[in-house]
Amino acid sequence: MPYTDPGLPLARKVGEMIERYLDRYGEAPKVILMQNHGVIALGRTPQQVENITAMIVKTARVLLGTYAFGGPRFLSEHDVQRIHTRPDELYRRKLLGE
């Protein structure tokens, strides 16, 4: 999420971004990365929020490590959607209570 002034403008922008995400993907985001503000982890339980936070920290460490080899190479939108809807991925998320 691009930088937005703190306070009410930031709260409104977060709400707007969540609405856009819901419209596009039909589900709430798990993580919101806010430029110059930090991270918001969203879950139904404290344990889910803790797990999501741990995963974003792990992701940051992995991304940092990729710069030793020329930087990250991200999956295409097509591949992300394919993986997100695979039966084994749906089953894994069900086991995690997501």
N, C-alpha and C. Protein backbone atom coordinates (compact mmCIF):
# COMPACT_ATOMS: atom_id res chain seq x y z
N MET A 1 0.84 -1.16 0.00
CA MET A 1 0.00 0.00 0.00
C MET A 1 0.90 1.23 0.00
N PRO A 2 0.64 2.19 -0.88
CA PRO A 2 1.48 3.38 -0.93
C PRO A 2 1.39 4.21 0.35
N TYR A 3 2.39 5.06 0.54
CA TYR A 3 2.40 5.90 1.73
C TYR A 3 1.15 6.78 1.79
N THR A 4 0.58 6.86 2.98
CA THR A 4 -0.56 7.73 3.27
C THR A 4 -0.30 8.34 4.63
N ASP A 5 -0.69 9.61 4.82
CA ASP A 5 -0.49 10.25 6.12
C ASP A 5 -1.16 9.43 7.21
N PRO A 6 -0.57 9.40 8.41
CA PRO A 6 -1.16 8.64 9.52
C PRO A 6 -2.50 9.21 9.98
N GLY A 7 -3.17 8.43 10.80
CA GLY A 7 -4.46 8.86 11.36
C GLY A 7 -5.61 8.48 10.45
N LEU A 8 -6.60 9.34 10.40
CA LEU A 8 -7.82 9.06 9.64
C LEU A 8 -7.55 8.82 8.15
N PRO A 9 -6.65 9.60 7.50
CA PRO A 9 -6.38 9.30 6.09
C PRO A 9 -5.85 7.88 5.87
N LEU A 10 -4.99 7.43 6.77
CA LEU A 10 -4.44 6.07 6.66
C LEU A 10 -5.54 5.04 6.89
N ALA A 11 -6.36 5.24 7.89
CA ALA A 11 -7.46 4.31 8.17
C ALA A 11 -8.40 4.20 6.98
N ARG A 12 -8.72 5.34 6.38
CA ARG A 12 -9.60 5.32 5.20
C ARG A 12 -8.96 4.60 4.03
N LYS A 13 -7.66 4.83 3.82
CA LYS A 13 -6.95 4.18 2.71
C LYS A 13 -6.89 2.67 2.93
N VAL A 14 -6.64 2.24 4.16
CA VAL A 14 -6.62 0.80 4.47
C VAL A 14 -7.99 0.21 4.15
N GLY A 15 -9.06 0.87 4.60
CA GLY A 15 -10.41 0.38 4.31
C GLY A 15 -10.67 0.29 2.82
N GLU A 16 -10.24 1.30 2.08
CA GLU A 16 -10.41 1.32 0.62
C GLU A 16 -9.65 0.16 -0.04
N MET A 17 -8.43 -0.07 0.41
CA MET A 17 -7.61 -1.14 -0.16
C MET A 17 -8.21 -2.51 0.16
N ILE A 18 -8.74 -2.68 1.35
CA ILE A 18 -9.38 -3.95 1.71
C ILE A 18 -10.61 -4.18 0.83
N GLU A 19 -11.42 -3.15 0.63
CA GLU A 19 -12.60 -3.27 -0.24
C GLU A 19 -12.21 -3.67 -1.66
N ARG A 20 -11.17 -3.04 -2.18
CA ARG A 20 -10.70 -3.38 -3.53
C ARG A 20 -10.25 -4.84 -3.60
N TYR A 21 -9.54 -5.27 -2.56
CA TYR A 21 -9.05 -6.65 -2.51
C TYR A 21 -10.24 -7.62 -2.46
N LEU A 22 -11.22 -7.32 -1.61
CA LEU A 22 -12.41 -8.16 -1.52
C LEU A 22 -13.14 -8.25 -2.86
N ASP A 23 -13.27 -7.11 -3.54
CA ASP A 23 -13.93 -7.10 -4.85
C ASP A 23 -13.17 -7.95 -5.87
N ARG A 24 -11.86 -7.87 -5.82
CA ARG A 24 -11.05 -8.58 -6.81
C ARG A 24 -10.92 -10.07 -6.54
N TYR A 25 -10.72 -10.44 -5.26
CA TYR A 25 -10.41 -11.83 -4.92
C TYR A 25 -11.51 -12.56 -4.16
N GLY A 26 -12.51 -11.85 -3.67
CA GLY A 26 -13.61 -12.50 -2.96
C GLY A 26 -13.27 -12.99 -1.57
N GLU A 27 -12.16 -12.55 -1.03
CA GLU A 27 -11.76 -12.91 0.34
C GLU A 27 -10.88 -11.80 0.89
N ALA A 28 -10.79 -11.73 2.19
CA ALA A 28 -9.99 -10.68 2.83
C ALA A 28 -8.50 -10.99 2.69
N PRO A 29 -7.66 -9.96 2.63
CA PRO A 29 -6.22 -10.20 2.62
C PRO A 29 -5.75 -10.71 3.97
N LYS A 30 -4.64 -11.39 3.98
CA LYS A 30 -4.07 -11.85 5.25
C LYS A 30 -3.04 -10.84 5.77
N VAL A 31 -2.42 -10.12 4.83
CA VAL A 31 -1.37 -9.18 5.20
C VAL A 31 -1.55 -7.89 4.39
N ILE A 32 -1.34 -6.77 5.04
CA ILE A 32 -1.29 -5.48 4.36
C ILE A 32 0.08 -4.88 4.68
N LEU A 33 0.87 -4.63 3.65
CA LEU A 33 2.17 -4.00 3.81
C LEU A 33 2.01 -2.52 3.52
N MET A 34 2.28 -1.69 4.51
CA MET A 34 2.05 -0.25 4.38
C MET A 34 3.39 0.47 4.29
N GLN A 35 3.61 1.15 3.18
CA GLN A 35 4.86 1.86 2.99
C GLN A 35 5.07 2.87 4.11
N ASN A 36 6.20 2.76 4.78
CA ASN A 36 6.63 3.63 5.88
C ASN A 36 5.78 3.48 7.15
N HIS A 37 4.87 2.54 7.22
CA HIS A 37 4.07 2.36 8.42
C HIS A 37 4.21 0.96 9.02
N GLY A 38 4.48 -0.05 8.22
CA GLY A 38 4.64 -1.39 8.76
C GLY A 38 3.66 -2.37 8.16
N VAL A 39 3.23 -3.30 8.99
CA VAL A 39 2.45 -4.46 8.55
C VAL A 39 1.17 -4.57 9.36
N ILE A 40 0.11 -4.97 8.69
CA ILE A 40 -1.12 -5.37 9.39
C ILE A 40 -1.35 -6.83 9.03
N ALA A 41 -1.48 -7.69 10.04
CA ALA A 41 -1.80 -9.10 9.84
C ALA A 41 -3.27 -9.30 10.23
N LEU A 42 -4.03 -9.92 9.35
CA LEU A 42 -5.47 -10.11 9.58
C LEU A 42 -5.80 -11.59 9.71
N GLY A 43 -6.47 -11.96 10.78
CA GLY A 43 -6.88 -13.34 10.99
C GLY A 43 -8.11 -13.39 11.87
N ARG A 44 -8.73 -14.56 11.91
CA ARG A 44 -9.93 -14.72 12.74
C ARG A 44 -9.62 -14.99 14.20
N THR A 45 -8.39 -15.45 14.46
CA THR A 45 -8.00 -15.76 15.83
C THR A 45 -6.62 -15.16 16.11
N PRO A 46 -6.28 -14.98 17.38
CA PRO A 46 -4.93 -14.50 17.71
C PRO A 46 -3.85 -15.44 17.15
N GLN A 47 -4.11 -16.74 17.17
CA GLN A 47 -3.13 -17.70 16.65
C GLN A 47 -2.90 -17.50 15.16
N GLN A 48 -3.97 -17.25 14.40
CA GLN A 48 -3.82 -17.00 12.96
C GLN A 48 -2.99 -15.74 12.73
N VAL A 49 -3.26 -14.69 13.49
CA VAL A 49 -2.50 -13.44 13.34
C VAL A 49 -1.02 -13.69 13.67
N GLU A 50 -0.76 -14.44 14.71
CA GLU A 50 0.62 -14.76 15.07
C GLU A 50 1.30 -15.56 13.97
N ASN A 51 0.61 -16.55 13.41
CA ASN A 51 1.17 -17.36 12.32
C ASN A 51 1.46 -16.51 11.08
N ILE A 52 0.53 -15.63 10.74
CA ILE A 52 0.70 -14.76 9.58
C ILE A 52 1.89 -13.82 9.80
N THR A 53 2.01 -13.28 11.01
CA THR A 53 3.13 -12.39 11.32
C THR A 53 4.45 -13.14 11.21
N ALA A 54 4.52 -14.35 11.72
CA ALA A 54 5.74 -15.15 11.62
C ALA A 54 6.09 -15.42 10.15
N MET A 55 5.07 -15.68 9.33
CA MET A 55 5.33 -15.96 7.92
C MET A 55 5.82 -14.72 7.18
N ILE A 56 5.30 -13.55 7.51
CA ILE A 56 5.76 -12.34 6.83
C ILE A 56 7.19 -12.01 7.24
N VAL A 57 7.56 -12.29 8.48
CA VAL A 57 8.95 -12.10 8.92
C VAL A 57 9.86 -13.06 8.15
N LYS A 58 9.43 -14.31 8.01
CA LYS A 58 10.20 -15.30 7.25
C LYS A 58 10.33 -14.85 5.79
N THR A 59 9.25 -14.34 5.22
CA THR A 59 9.26 -13.86 3.84
C THR A 59 10.26 -12.71 3.67
N ALA A 60 10.28 -11.79 4.63
CA ALA A 60 11.21 -10.67 4.56
C ALA A 60 12.66 -11.16 4.59
N ARG A 61 12.94 -12.15 5.41
CA ARG A 61 14.30 -12.71 5.48
C ARG A 61 14.69 -13.39 4.17
N VAL A 62 13.75 -14.13 3.59
CA VAL A 62 14.03 -14.80 2.32
C VAL A 62 14.26 -13.76 1.22
N LEU A 63 13.40 -12.74 1.15
CA LEU A 63 13.58 -11.70 0.14
C LEU A 63 14.93 -11.00 0.30
N LEU A 64 15.30 -10.69 1.51
CA LEU A 64 16.58 -10.05 1.76
C LEU A 64 17.72 -10.94 1.25
N GLY A 65 17.63 -12.23 1.50
CA GLY A 65 18.65 -13.17 1.04
C GLY A 65 18.75 -13.27 -0.47
N THR A 66 17.65 -13.03 -1.18
CA THR A 66 17.69 -13.14 -2.65
C THR A 66 18.57 -12.07 -3.27
N TYR A 67 18.78 -10.97 -2.60
CA TYR A 67 19.59 -9.89 -3.18
C TYR A 67 21.06 -10.28 -3.33
N ALA A 68 21.50 -11.30 -2.62
CA ALA A 68 22.85 -11.82 -2.80
C ALA A 68 22.99 -12.52 -4.15
N PHE A 69 21.85 -12.87 -4.76
CA PHE A 69 21.84 -13.58 -6.04
C PHE A 69 21.10 -12.81 -7.13
N GLY A 70 21.05 -11.50 -7.01
CA GLY A 70 20.44 -10.68 -8.06
C GLY A 70 19.03 -10.23 -7.80
N GLY A 71 18.46 -10.56 -6.66
CA GLY A 71 17.11 -10.10 -6.32
C GLY A 71 16.05 -11.15 -6.54
N PRO A 72 14.84 -10.86 -6.08
CA PRO A 72 13.75 -11.83 -6.16
C PRO A 72 13.24 -12.01 -7.60
N ARG A 73 12.71 -13.18 -7.87
CA ARG A 73 12.03 -13.47 -9.14
C ARG A 73 10.65 -13.99 -8.77
N PHE A 74 9.66 -13.14 -8.87
CA PHE A 74 8.32 -13.43 -8.40
C PHE A 74 7.56 -14.31 -9.38
N LEU A 75 6.61 -15.09 -8.85
CA LEU A 75 5.71 -15.89 -9.69
C LEU A 75 4.80 -14.96 -10.48
N SER A 76 4.35 -15.44 -11.62
CA SER A 76 3.37 -14.67 -12.39
C SER A 76 2.02 -14.73 -11.68
N GLU A 77 1.14 -13.78 -12.01
CA GLU A 77 -0.22 -13.76 -11.44
C GLU A 77 -0.93 -15.08 -11.76
N HIS A 78 -0.71 -15.59 -12.97
CA HIS A 78 -1.33 -16.86 -13.38
C HIS A 78 -0.88 -18.00 -12.46
N ASP A 79 0.42 -18.10 -12.20
CA ASP A 79 0.92 -19.17 -11.34
C ASP A 79 0.43 -19.02 -9.90
N VAL A 80 0.36 -17.79 -9.41
CA VAL A 80 -0.15 -17.56 -8.05
C VAL A 80 -1.58 -18.06 -7.95
N GLN A 81 -2.43 -17.70 -8.92
CA GLN A 81 -3.83 -18.13 -8.90
C GLN A 81 -3.95 -19.65 -9.02
N ARG A 82 -3.11 -20.25 -9.87
CA ARG A 82 -3.13 -21.72 -10.04
C ARG A 82 -2.80 -22.41 -8.73
N ILE A 83 -1.76 -21.96 -8.06
CA ILE A 83 -1.36 -22.56 -6.79
C ILE A 83 -2.42 -22.31 -5.72
N HIS A 84 -2.95 -21.10 -5.68
CA HIS A 84 -3.93 -20.71 -4.66
C HIS A 84 -5.19 -21.59 -4.71
N THR A 85 -5.52 -22.11 -5.89
CA THR A 85 -6.76 -22.89 -6.04
C THR A 85 -6.51 -24.40 -6.19
N ARG A 86 -5.29 -24.85 -6.03
CA ARG A 86 -5.01 -26.29 -6.11
C ARG A 86 -5.70 -27.01 -4.95
N PRO A 87 -6.19 -28.23 -5.18
CA PRO A 87 -6.86 -28.98 -4.10
C PRO A 87 -5.98 -29.19 -2.87
N ASP A 88 -4.70 -29.46 -3.06
CA ASP A 88 -3.83 -29.68 -1.91
C ASP A 88 -3.63 -28.39 -1.10
N GLU A 89 -3.62 -27.25 -1.79
CA GLU A 89 -3.49 -25.97 -1.09
C GLU A 89 -4.77 -25.64 -0.33
N LEU A 90 -5.92 -25.91 -0.94
CA LEU A 90 -7.19 -25.70 -0.25
C LEU A 90 -7.28 -26.59 1.00
N TYR A 91 -6.83 -27.83 0.88
CA TYR A 91 -6.84 -28.76 2.02
C TYR A 91 -5.90 -28.27 3.12
N ARG A 92 -4.71 -27.80 2.73
CA ARG A 92 -3.74 -27.29 3.71
C ARG A 92 -4.32 -26.12 4.48
N ARG A 93 -4.98 -25.20 3.78
CA ARG A 93 -5.57 -24.03 4.46
C ARG A 93 -6.73 -24.46 5.35
N LYS A 94 -7.48 -25.47 4.93
CA LYS A 94 -8.58 -25.97 5.78
C LYS A 94 -8.02 -26.53 7.09
N LEU A 95 -6.92 -27.28 7.00
CA LEU A 95 -6.29 -27.83 8.21
C LEU A 95 -5.80 -26.73 9.14
N LEU A 96 -5.37 -25.61 8.55
CA LEU A 96 -4.89 -24.48 9.35
C LEU A 96 -6.02 -23.64 9.91
N GLY A 97 -7.26 -23.96 9.52
CA GLY A 97 -8.42 -23.22 10.01
C GLY A 97 -8.62 -21.89 9.32
N GLU A 98 -8.14 -21.78 8.10
CA GLU A 98 -8.28 -20.52 7.36
C GLU A 98 -9.55 -20.50 6.54
